[in-house]
Amino acid sequence: MQAALRQHLGGARWALRVSEAALRPRCVGPASPPAPRCWSCGGPVPSAAGLPHFCPGCRALQPPGPRPDLFRLMDCDRSFRLDVQRLQRRFRSLQRALHPDRFGQRPPKEQHYSEQHSSLVNKAYQTLLNPLSRGLYLLELNGVEPAQETDCDADSEFLMEIMEINEKLAESKNEDSLEETETLIKVKREELTQEVTAAFERGSYFNQVFSRHIYVMNA
């Protein structure tokens, strides 16, 4: 009788421990996103973080990712100060690898991806090559909305200077006076480009300085 009672109590204690264990909260991490798969062969494709890449199995060109970082795509530092030669080398390298002419005998889907990549590379190159569009893109990356020309609070001295330049352009009667005015605009652009570069390097995401740059670039 005592042996049977001890056995019954032991079974009850074991059942209680199992029940307590089942009720304890478990630490479950977030589910990992499914690994990307090649559209052509279905094999796994390592993530390329928006960079152009090919399937390691069948060598099919993969589609471009959403909203790639144009600086990273063009292998450039995220800075207003740009190595133009480096940008040009990267542009030529990507176009050689991704140009639609290279994919003329490939499946239609891959031809379409090639066109998308090539268009994106062209856009990235033009955006980063031009100081104005490069600066606007940097502001966008940092969540800063630049002031529009009509909203610019540029100082009156600067606005008078721009008005004088525009008047000189309108009054230019010959080639010499036109070249003189164009040289003045070029010098002013270079000065403001240096000013914008210094402000970006300080981490100063301003509006007034960049708005000045927009005025001169559109002069």
Protein backbone atom coordinates (compact mmCIF):
# COMPACT_ATOMS: atom_id res chain seq x y z
CA MET A 1 0.00 0.00 0.00
CA GLN A 2 2.76 2.48 0.95
CA ALA A 3 4.77 1.53 -2.15
CA ALA A 4 1.76 2.18 -4.35
CA LEU A 5 1.18 5.55 -2.65
CA ARG A 6 4.81 6.60 -3.13
CA GLN A 7 4.61 5.62 -6.79
CA HIS A 8 1.41 7.64 -7.22
CA LEU A 9 2.91 10.73 -5.55
CA GLY A 10 6.08 10.45 -7.64
CA GLY A 11 4.02 10.33 -10.83
CA ALA A 12 2.04 13.37 -9.74
CA ARG A 13 5.23 15.36 -9.03
CA TRP A 14 6.63 14.42 -12.48
CA ALA A 15 3.39 15.46 -14.18
CA LEU A 16 3.50 18.80 -12.31
CA ARG A 17 7.07 19.48 -13.44
CA VAL A 18 6.13 18.72 -17.05
CA SER A 19 3.10 21.02 -16.83
CA GLU A 20 5.20 23.87 -15.35
CA ALA A 21 7.79 23.47 -18.09
CA ALA A 22 5.09 23.62 -20.73
CA LEU A 23 3.68 26.84 -19.25
CA ARG A 24 7.02 28.70 -19.14
CA PRO A 25 7.32 31.38 -21.84
CA ARG A 26 9.81 30.54 -24.53
CA CYS A 27 12.13 33.05 -26.14
CA VAL A 28 11.37 32.84 -29.82
CA GLY A 29 13.29 35.14 -32.13
CA PRO A 30 11.80 36.74 -35.22
CA ALA A 31 11.50 34.44 -38.17
CA SER A 32 14.30 34.84 -40.68
CA PRO A 33 13.18 36.05 -44.10
CA PRO A 34 13.35 33.37 -46.76
CA ALA A 35 16.63 33.25 -48.63
CA PRO A 36 16.36 34.84 -52.09
CA ARG A 37 16.04 32.41 -54.96
CA CYS A 38 17.15 32.70 -58.56
CA TRP A 39 14.26 33.49 -60.89
CA SER A 40 15.77 31.16 -63.51
CA CYS A 41 16.99 28.00 -61.76
CA GLY A 42 15.44 28.40 -58.31
CA GLY A 43 18.78 28.05 -56.56
CA PRO A 44 19.80 30.17 -53.55
CA VAL A 45 21.23 33.59 -54.38
CA PRO A 46 23.33 35.47 -51.80
CA SER A 47 22.01 38.91 -50.95
CA ALA A 48 23.92 41.68 -52.73
CA ALA A 49 22.35 44.63 -50.89
CA GLY A 50 21.15 46.30 -54.07
CA LEU A 51 24.28 45.72 -56.16
CA PRO A 52 24.04 44.01 -59.56
CA HIS A 53 24.66 40.30 -59.15
CA PHE A 54 24.41 36.98 -60.96
CA CYS A 55 23.15 33.59 -59.79
CA PRO A 56 26.17 31.52 -58.68
CA GLY A 57 24.51 28.42 -60.15
CA CYS A 58 23.22 29.33 -63.61
CA ARG A 59 24.86 32.79 -63.96
CA ALA A 60 21.53 34.49 -64.69
CA LEU A 61 21.40 38.23 -64.01
CA GLN A 62 19.17 38.96 -61.02
CA PRO A 63 16.68 41.86 -60.82
CA PRO A 64 17.77 45.16 -59.26
CA GLY A 65 16.82 45.72 -55.65
CA PRO A 66 14.43 48.43 -54.45
CA ARG A 67 15.85 51.94 -53.86
CA PRO A 68 19.58 51.14 -54.05
CA ASP A 69 22.12 53.54 -52.57
CA LEU A 70 23.55 55.28 -55.65
CA PHE A 71 26.86 55.99 -53.91
CA ARG A 72 27.29 52.32 -53.05
CA LEU A 73 26.21 51.24 -56.52
CA MET A 74 28.90 53.44 -58.06
CA ASP A 75 31.52 52.43 -55.47
CA CYS A 76 31.88 56.01 -54.21
CA ASP A 77 32.11 57.40 -50.70
CA ARG A 78 28.88 58.97 -49.49
CA SER A 79 30.29 62.47 -49.63
CA PHE A 80 29.80 65.67 -51.60
CA ARG A 81 33.53 65.58 -52.38
CA LEU A 82 33.65 63.09 -55.24
CA ASP A 83 36.46 61.25 -57.04
CA VAL A 84 35.20 61.81 -60.59
CA GLN A 85 37.73 59.45 -62.19
CA ARG A 86 36.69 56.67 -59.83
CA LEU A 87 33.05 57.31 -60.69
CA GLN A 88 33.80 57.17 -64.42
CA ARG A 89 35.77 53.92 -64.11
CA ARG A 90 32.91 52.30 -62.19
CA PHE A 91 30.39 53.54 -64.73
CA ARG A 92 32.30 52.04 -67.65
CA SER A 93 32.83 48.76 -65.78
CA LEU A 94 29.14 48.37 -64.93
CA GLN A 95 27.98 49.27 -68.42
CA ARG A 96 30.31 46.70 -69.95
CA ALA A 97 28.86 44.01 -67.67
CA LEU A 98 25.19 45.05 -67.80
CA HIS A 99 24.55 46.65 -71.18
CA PRO A 100 21.50 45.15 -72.94
CA ASP A 101 23.61 44.31 -76.01
CA ARG A 102 25.30 41.61 -73.96
CA PHE A 103 21.97 39.94 -73.23
CA GLY A 104 20.49 39.80 -76.72
CA GLN A 105 20.45 35.98 -76.73
CA ARG A 106 19.24 35.61 -73.14
CA PRO A 107 15.62 35.02 -71.99
CA PRO A 108 13.29 38.05 -72.25
CA LYS A 109 13.11 38.41 -68.47
CA GLU A 110 16.89 38.66 -68.20
CA GLN A 111 16.96 41.17 -71.06
CA HIS A 112 14.45 43.25 -69.12
CA TYR A 113 16.58 43.08 -65.97
CA SER A 114 19.60 44.16 -68.00
CA GLU A 115 17.70 47.22 -69.25
CA GLN A 116 16.65 48.07 -65.69
CA HIS A 117 20.21 47.77 -64.39
CA SER A 118 21.65 49.79 -67.27
CA SER A 119 19.08 52.55 -66.76
CA LEU A 120 19.80 52.63 -63.04
CA VAL A 121 23.56 52.87 -63.64
CA ASN A 122 23.02 55.79 -66.04
CA LYS A 123 20.80 57.54 -63.49
CA ALA A 124 23.34 57.00 -60.70
CA TYR A 125 26.19 58.29 -62.86
CA GLN A 126 24.36 61.45 -63.91
CA THR A 127 23.09 62.10 -60.38
CA LEU A 128 26.51 61.86 -58.75
CA LEU A 129 28.47 63.56 -61.54
CA ASN A 130 26.50 66.81 -61.31
CA PRO A 131 27.26 68.75 -58.10
CA LEU A 132 23.71 70.08 -57.79
CA SER A 133 21.94 66.72 -58.16
CA ARG A 134 24.60 65.08 -55.98
CA GLY A 135 23.95 67.56 -53.20
CA LEU A 136 20.18 67.19 -53.48
CA TYR A 137 20.55 63.41 -53.31
CA LEU A 138 22.74 63.70 -50.20
CA LEU A 139 20.12 65.90 -48.56
CA GLU A 140 17.47 63.30 -49.43
CA LEU A 141 19.55 60.50 -47.91
CA ASN A 142 19.85 62.51 -44.71
CA GLY A 143 16.15 63.32 -44.55
CA VAL A 144 16.58 67.03 -45.30
CA GLU A 145 14.21 68.78 -47.68
CA PRO A 146 16.00 71.62 -49.47
CA ALA A 147 14.35 75.00 -49.73
CA GLN A 148 12.85 75.84 -53.09
CA GLU A 149 14.16 78.84 -55.01
CA THR A 150 11.00 80.79 -54.24
CA ASP A 151 11.40 80.04 -50.53
CA CYS A 152 15.07 80.92 -50.36
CA ASP A 153 16.01 83.27 -47.58
CA ALA A 154 19.31 84.19 -49.23
CA ASP A 155 20.73 87.52 -48.11
CA SER A 156 20.03 90.61 -50.17
CA GLU A 157 23.70 91.10 -51.09
CA PHE A 158 23.84 87.68 -52.70
CA LEU A 159 20.56 88.24 -54.57
CA MET A 160 21.83 91.57 -55.89
CA GLU A 161 24.97 89.82 -57.13
CA ILE A 162 22.87 87.27 -59.03
CA MET A 163 20.72 90.03 -60.52
CA GLU A 164 23.85 91.83 -61.75
CA ILE A 165 25.11 88.65 -63.39
CA ASN A 166 21.76 88.16 -65.14
CA GLU A 167 21.81 91.77 -66.32
CA LYS A 168 25.31 91.31 -67.74
CA LEU A 169 24.15 88.24 -69.61
CA ALA A 170 21.18 90.14 -71.04
CA GLU A 171 23.36 93.09 -72.06
CA SER A 172 26.17 91.04 -73.60
CA LYS A 173 26.58 92.42 -77.11
CA ASN A 174 29.63 90.51 -78.28
CA GLU A 175 31.59 87.32 -77.73
CA ASP A 176 34.12 88.93 -75.38
CA SER A 177 31.55 90.30 -72.94
CA LEU A 178 29.67 87.00 -73.00
CA GLU A 179 32.83 85.04 -72.20
CA GLU A 180 33.64 87.46 -69.37
CA THR A 181 30.22 86.91 -67.81
CA GLU A 182 30.46 83.13 -68.23
CA THR A 183 33.85 83.19 -66.51
CA LEU A 184 32.33 85.15 -63.62
CA ILE A 185 29.55 82.56 -63.29
CA LYS A 186 32.08 79.72 -63.38
CA VAL A 187 34.14 81.31 -60.60
CA LYS A 188 31.04 81.87 -58.47
CA ARG A 189 29.96 78.25 -58.99
CA GLU A 190 33.36 76.99 -57.90
CA GLU A 191 33.30 79.19 -54.79
CA LEU A 192 29.86 77.93 -53.78
CA THR A 193 30.79 74.32 -54.55
CA GLN A 194 33.67 74.62 -52.09
CA GLU A 195 31.33 76.21 -49.54
CA VAL A 196 28.78 73.40 -49.96
CA THR A 197 31.53 70.76 -49.73
CA ALA A 198 32.79 72.19 -46.45
CA ALA A 199 29.27 72.33 -45.02
CA PHE A 200 28.57 68.69 -45.90
CA GLU A 201 31.87 67.60 -44.36
CA ARG A 202 30.90 69.38 -41.13
CA GLY A 203 27.64 67.45 -41.18
CA SER A 204 25.78 70.72 -41.56
CA TYR A 205 22.68 70.00 -43.62
CA PHE A 206 21.66 73.55 -44.33
CA ASN A 207 19.24 75.22 -46.70
CA GLN A 208 20.56 78.72 -47.28
CA VAL A 209 24.01 77.74 -48.56
CA PHE A 210 22.63 75.07 -50.85
CA SER A 211 19.90 77.40 -52.10
CA ARG A 212 22.63 79.81 -53.15
CA HIS A 213 24.21 76.98 -55.10
CA ILE A 214 20.87 76.32 -56.84
CA TYR A 215 20.60 80.00 -57.81
CA VAL A 216 24.05 80.07 -59.40
CA MET A 217 23.69 76.69 -61.14
CA ASN A 218 20.50 78.02 -62.76
CA ALA A 219 21.95 81.39 -63.64
